[in-house]
Amino acid sequence: SGWADEQAGDIRDHHVYPGPCQVDFACYPSMPGRVTVVGELWGRRRFILGHNWFGDDWSGLGMTEEEFYQNYSHTLEQLQWAYVKHGYSAAVFTQTTDVEGELNGFFTYDRREPK
């Protein structure tokens, strides 16, 4: 499950980055008899100076606050569409906070700044 669906079990779990669909509004269809979820999605970077594991040398990475929120809003629209069109039951945003070498959390690595 996740990266490769083995077509077994009660849950069909997709890991899609940035997701939730492979392309805008082109999500995997549900399967009869199985609950469909997006077990991992997001992966959008927002760099905030002074709050990163590797220091501020990566300041050219990521998006602006406005772009971050636009992408988040668009992701929510796609999730709503996937729910209505395909009956998706759940989605898991990865990850809540930045970790070593990754800048795609909703909070900085030191957990001091929301994005």
C-alpha atoms as a PDB file:
ATOM      1  CA  SER A   1       0.000   0.000   0.000  1.00  0.00           C
ATOM      2  CA  GLY A   2       1.087   3.578  -0.465  1.00  0.00           C
ATOM      3  CA  TRP A   3       3.554   3.805  -3.311  1.00  0.00           C
ATOM      4  CA  ALA A   4       2.380   0.570  -4.938  1.00  0.00           C
ATOM      5  CA  ASP A   5      -1.154  -0.726  -4.530  1.00  0.00           C
ATOM      6  CA  GLU A   6      -1.068  -4.514  -4.184  1.00  0.00           C
ATOM      7  CA  GLN A   7      -4.867  -4.631  -4.620  1.00  0.00           C
ATOM      8  CA  ALA A   8      -5.309  -6.347  -1.274  1.00  0.00           C
ATOM      9  CA  GLY A   9      -6.907  -5.248   1.965  1.00  0.00           C
ATOM     10  CA  ASP A  10      -9.718  -2.875   2.796  1.00  0.00           C
ATOM     11  CA  ILE A  11      -7.847   0.387   2.126  1.00  0.00           C
ATOM     12  CA  ARG A  12      -6.461   1.742  -1.118  1.00  0.00           C
ATOM     13  CA  ASP A  13      -3.732   4.144   0.001  1.00  0.00           C
ATOM     14  CA  HIS A  14      -2.069   6.563  -2.423  1.00  0.00           C
ATOM     15  CA  HIS A  15       1.074   8.548  -1.675  1.00  0.00           C
ATOM     16  CA  VAL A  16       1.049  11.482  -4.081  1.00  0.00           C
ATOM     17  CA  TYR A  17       3.372  14.487  -4.029  1.00  0.00           C
ATOM     18  CA  PRO A  18       2.451  17.218  -4.011  1.00  0.00           C
ATOM     19  CA  GLY A  19      -1.008  15.655  -4.354  1.00  0.00           C
ATOM     20  CA  PRO A  20      -3.702  14.807  -3.732  1.00  0.00           C
ATOM     21  CA  CYS A  21      -4.042  14.099  -7.454  1.00  0.00           C
ATOM     22  CA  GLN A  22      -1.300  13.183  -9.915  1.00  0.00           C
ATOM     23  CA  VAL A  23      -2.359  16.136 -12.065  1.00  0.00           C
ATOM     24  CA  ASP A  24      -4.957  18.772 -11.208  1.00  0.00           C
ATOM     25  CA  PHE A  25      -8.271  17.042 -10.654  1.00  0.00           C
ATOM     26  CA  ALA A  26      -7.033  13.710 -12.059  1.00  0.00           C
ATOM     27  CA  CYS A  27      -7.023  11.504  -8.961  1.00  0.00           C
ATOM     28  CA  TYR A  28      -6.924   7.736  -8.818  1.00  0.00           C
ATOM     29  CA  PRO A  29     -10.443   6.343  -8.935  1.00  0.00           C
ATOM     30  CA  SER A  30     -11.885   4.448  -5.991  1.00  0.00           C
ATOM     31  CA  MET A  31     -12.301   0.688  -6.089  1.00  0.00           C
ATOM     32  CA  PRO A  32     -15.511  -1.088  -5.087  1.00  0.00           C
ATOM     33  CA  GLY A  33     -15.230  -2.627  -1.642  1.00  0.00           C
ATOM     34  CA  ARG A  34     -12.155  -0.622  -0.603  1.00  0.00           C
ATOM     35  CA  VAL A  35     -11.796   2.695   1.207  1.00  0.00           C
ATOM     36  CA  THR A  36      -9.632   5.149  -0.768  1.00  0.00           C
ATOM     37  CA  VAL A  37      -7.285   7.506   1.064  1.00  0.00           C
ATOM     38  CA  VAL A  38      -4.319   9.723   0.289  1.00  0.00           C
ATOM     39  CA  GLY A  39      -1.862   8.452   2.891  1.00  0.00           C
ATOM     40  CA  GLU A  40       0.793  11.066   2.082  1.00  0.00           C
ATOM     41  CA  LEU A  41       0.634  14.394   0.269  1.00  0.00           C
ATOM     42  CA  TRP A  42       1.906  17.970   0.266  1.00  0.00           C
ATOM     43  CA  GLY A  43       5.686  18.458   0.111  1.00  0.00           C
ATOM     44  CA  ARG A  44       5.488  22.222  -0.455  1.00  0.00           C
ATOM     45  CA  ARG A  45       8.453  24.265   0.764  1.00  0.00           C
ATOM     46  CA  ARG A  46       8.364  27.592   2.552  1.00  0.00           C
ATOM     47  CA  PHE A  47      11.674  28.868   3.867  1.00  0.00           C
ATOM     48  CA  ILE A  48      11.715  31.131   6.945  1.00  0.00           C
ATOM     49  CA  LEU A  49      15.069  32.708   7.773  1.00  0.00           C
ATOM     50  CA  GLY A  50      16.644  31.715  11.078  1.00  0.00           C
ATOM     51  CA  HIS A  51      14.538  28.590  11.632  1.00  0.00           C
ATOM     52  CA  ASN A  52      16.149  25.851   9.544  1.00  0.00           C
ATOM     53  CA  TRP A  53      18.262  22.782  10.296  1.00  0.00           C
ATOM     54  CA  PHE A  54      20.982  23.639   7.748  1.00  0.00           C
ATOM     55  CA  GLY A  55      20.984  27.358   8.396  1.00  0.00           C
ATOM     56  CA  ASP A  56      19.924  30.016   5.931  1.00  0.00           C
ATOM     57  CA  ASP A  57      21.944  28.891   2.907  1.00  0.00           C
ATOM     58  CA  TRP A  58      18.801  27.445   1.337  1.00  0.00           C
ATOM     59  CA  SER A  59      16.900  30.712   1.271  1.00  0.00           C
ATOM     60  CA  GLY A  60      16.380  30.436  -2.498  1.00  0.00           C
ATOM     61  CA  LEU A  61      14.279  27.313  -2.034  1.00  0.00           C
ATOM     62  CA  GLY A  62      10.595  27.344  -1.487  1.00  0.00           C
ATOM     63  CA  MET A  63       7.754  29.693  -2.141  1.00  0.00           C
ATOM     64  CA  THR A  64       6.436  32.923  -0.771  1.00  0.00           C
ATOM     65  CA  GLU A  65       3.800  32.996   1.952  1.00  0.00           C
ATOM     66  CA  GLU A  66       1.173  33.910  -0.661  1.00  0.00           C
ATOM     67  CA  GLU A  67       2.201  31.024  -2.943  1.00  0.00           C
ATOM     68  CA  PHE A  68       2.197  28.636   0.031  1.00  0.00           C
ATOM     69  CA  TYR A  69      -1.383  29.577   0.940  1.00  0.00           C
ATOM     70  CA  GLN A  70      -2.530  29.494  -2.688  1.00  0.00           C
ATOM     71  CA  ASN A  71      -1.127  25.975  -3.044  1.00  0.00           C
ATOM     72  CA  TYR A  72      -2.716  24.902   0.243  1.00  0.00           C
ATOM     73  CA  SER A  73      -6.118  26.266  -0.849  1.00  0.00           C
ATOM     74  CA  HIS A  74      -5.804  24.525  -4.209  1.00  0.00           C
ATOM     75  CA  THR A  75      -4.925  21.258  -2.467  1.00  0.00           C
ATOM     76  CA  LEU A  76      -8.040  21.533  -0.299  1.00  0.00           C
ATOM     77  CA  GLU A  77     -10.164  22.157  -3.411  1.00  0.00           C
ATOM     78  CA  GLN A  78      -8.731  19.017  -5.003  1.00  0.00           C
ATOM     79  CA  LEU A  79      -9.396  16.985  -1.846  1.00  0.00           C
ATOM     80  CA  GLN A  80     -13.005  18.161  -1.832  1.00  0.00           C
ATOM     81  CA  TRP A  81     -13.295  17.197  -5.501  1.00  0.00           C
ATOM     82  CA  ALA A  82     -11.729  13.759  -4.835  1.00  0.00           C
ATOM     83  CA  TYR A  83     -14.207  13.220  -2.010  1.00  0.00           C
ATOM     84  CA  VAL A  84     -17.219  14.156  -4.148  1.00  0.00           C
ATOM     85  CA  LYS A  85     -16.065  12.507  -7.406  1.00  0.00           C
ATOM     86  CA  HIS A  86     -14.329   9.389  -6.083  1.00  0.00           C
ATOM     87  CA  GLY A  87     -15.438   9.048  -2.457  1.00  0.00           C
ATOM     88  CA  TYR A  88     -11.995   9.544  -0.905  1.00  0.00           C
ATOM     89  CA  SER A  89     -12.249   9.053   2.847  1.00  0.00           C
ATOM     90  CA  ALA A  90      -9.075  10.578   4.303  1.00  0.00           C
ATOM     91  CA  ALA A  91      -5.882  12.490   3.572  1.00  0.00           C
ATOM     92  CA  VAL A  92      -2.651  12.806   5.548  1.00  0.00           C
ATOM     93  CA  PHE A  93      -0.489  15.886   5.095  1.00  0.00           C
ATOM     94  CA  THR A  94       3.226  15.132   5.329  1.00  0.00           C
ATOM     95  CA  GLN A  95       4.504  16.648   7.461  1.00  0.00           C
ATOM     96  CA  THR A  96       3.373  18.880  10.299  1.00  0.00           C
ATOM     97  CA  THR A  97       6.878  20.270  10.943  1.00  0.00           C
ATOM     98  CA  ASP A  98      10.103  20.583   8.988  1.00  0.00           C
ATOM     99  CA  VAL A  99      12.669  17.872   9.722  1.00  0.00           C
ATOM    100  CA  GLU A 100      16.390  17.639   9.002  1.00  0.00           C
ATOM    101  CA  GLY A 101      16.929  18.627   5.382  1.00  0.00           C
ATOM    102  CA  GLU A 102      13.232  19.013   4.516  1.00  0.00           C
ATOM    103  CA  LEU A 103      11.328  22.287   4.442  1.00  0.00           C
ATOM    104  CA  ASN A 104       7.804  21.077   3.711  1.00  0.00           C
ATOM    105  CA  GLY A 105       6.166  21.238   7.147  1.00  0.00           C
ATOM    106  CA  PHE A 106       3.484  23.604   8.372  1.00  0.00           C
ATOM    107  CA  PHE A 107       5.860  24.691  11.149  1.00  0.00           C
ATOM    108  CA  THR A 108       9.598  25.371  11.053  1.00  0.00           C
ATOM    109  CA  TYR A 109      12.183  22.842  12.232  1.00  0.00           C
ATOM    110  CA  ASP A 110      12.461  24.527  15.649  1.00  0.00           C
ATOM    111  CA  ARG A 111       8.617  24.590  15.907  1.00  0.00           C
ATOM    112  CA  ARG A 112       8.717  28.337  16.590  1.00  0.00           C
ATOM    113  CA  GLU A 113       7.227  29.718  13.373  1.00  0.00           C
ATOM    114  CA  PRO A 114       4.037  28.683  11.600  1.00  0.00           C
ATOM    115  CA  LYS A 115       4.236  28.934   7.854  1.00  0.00           C
END
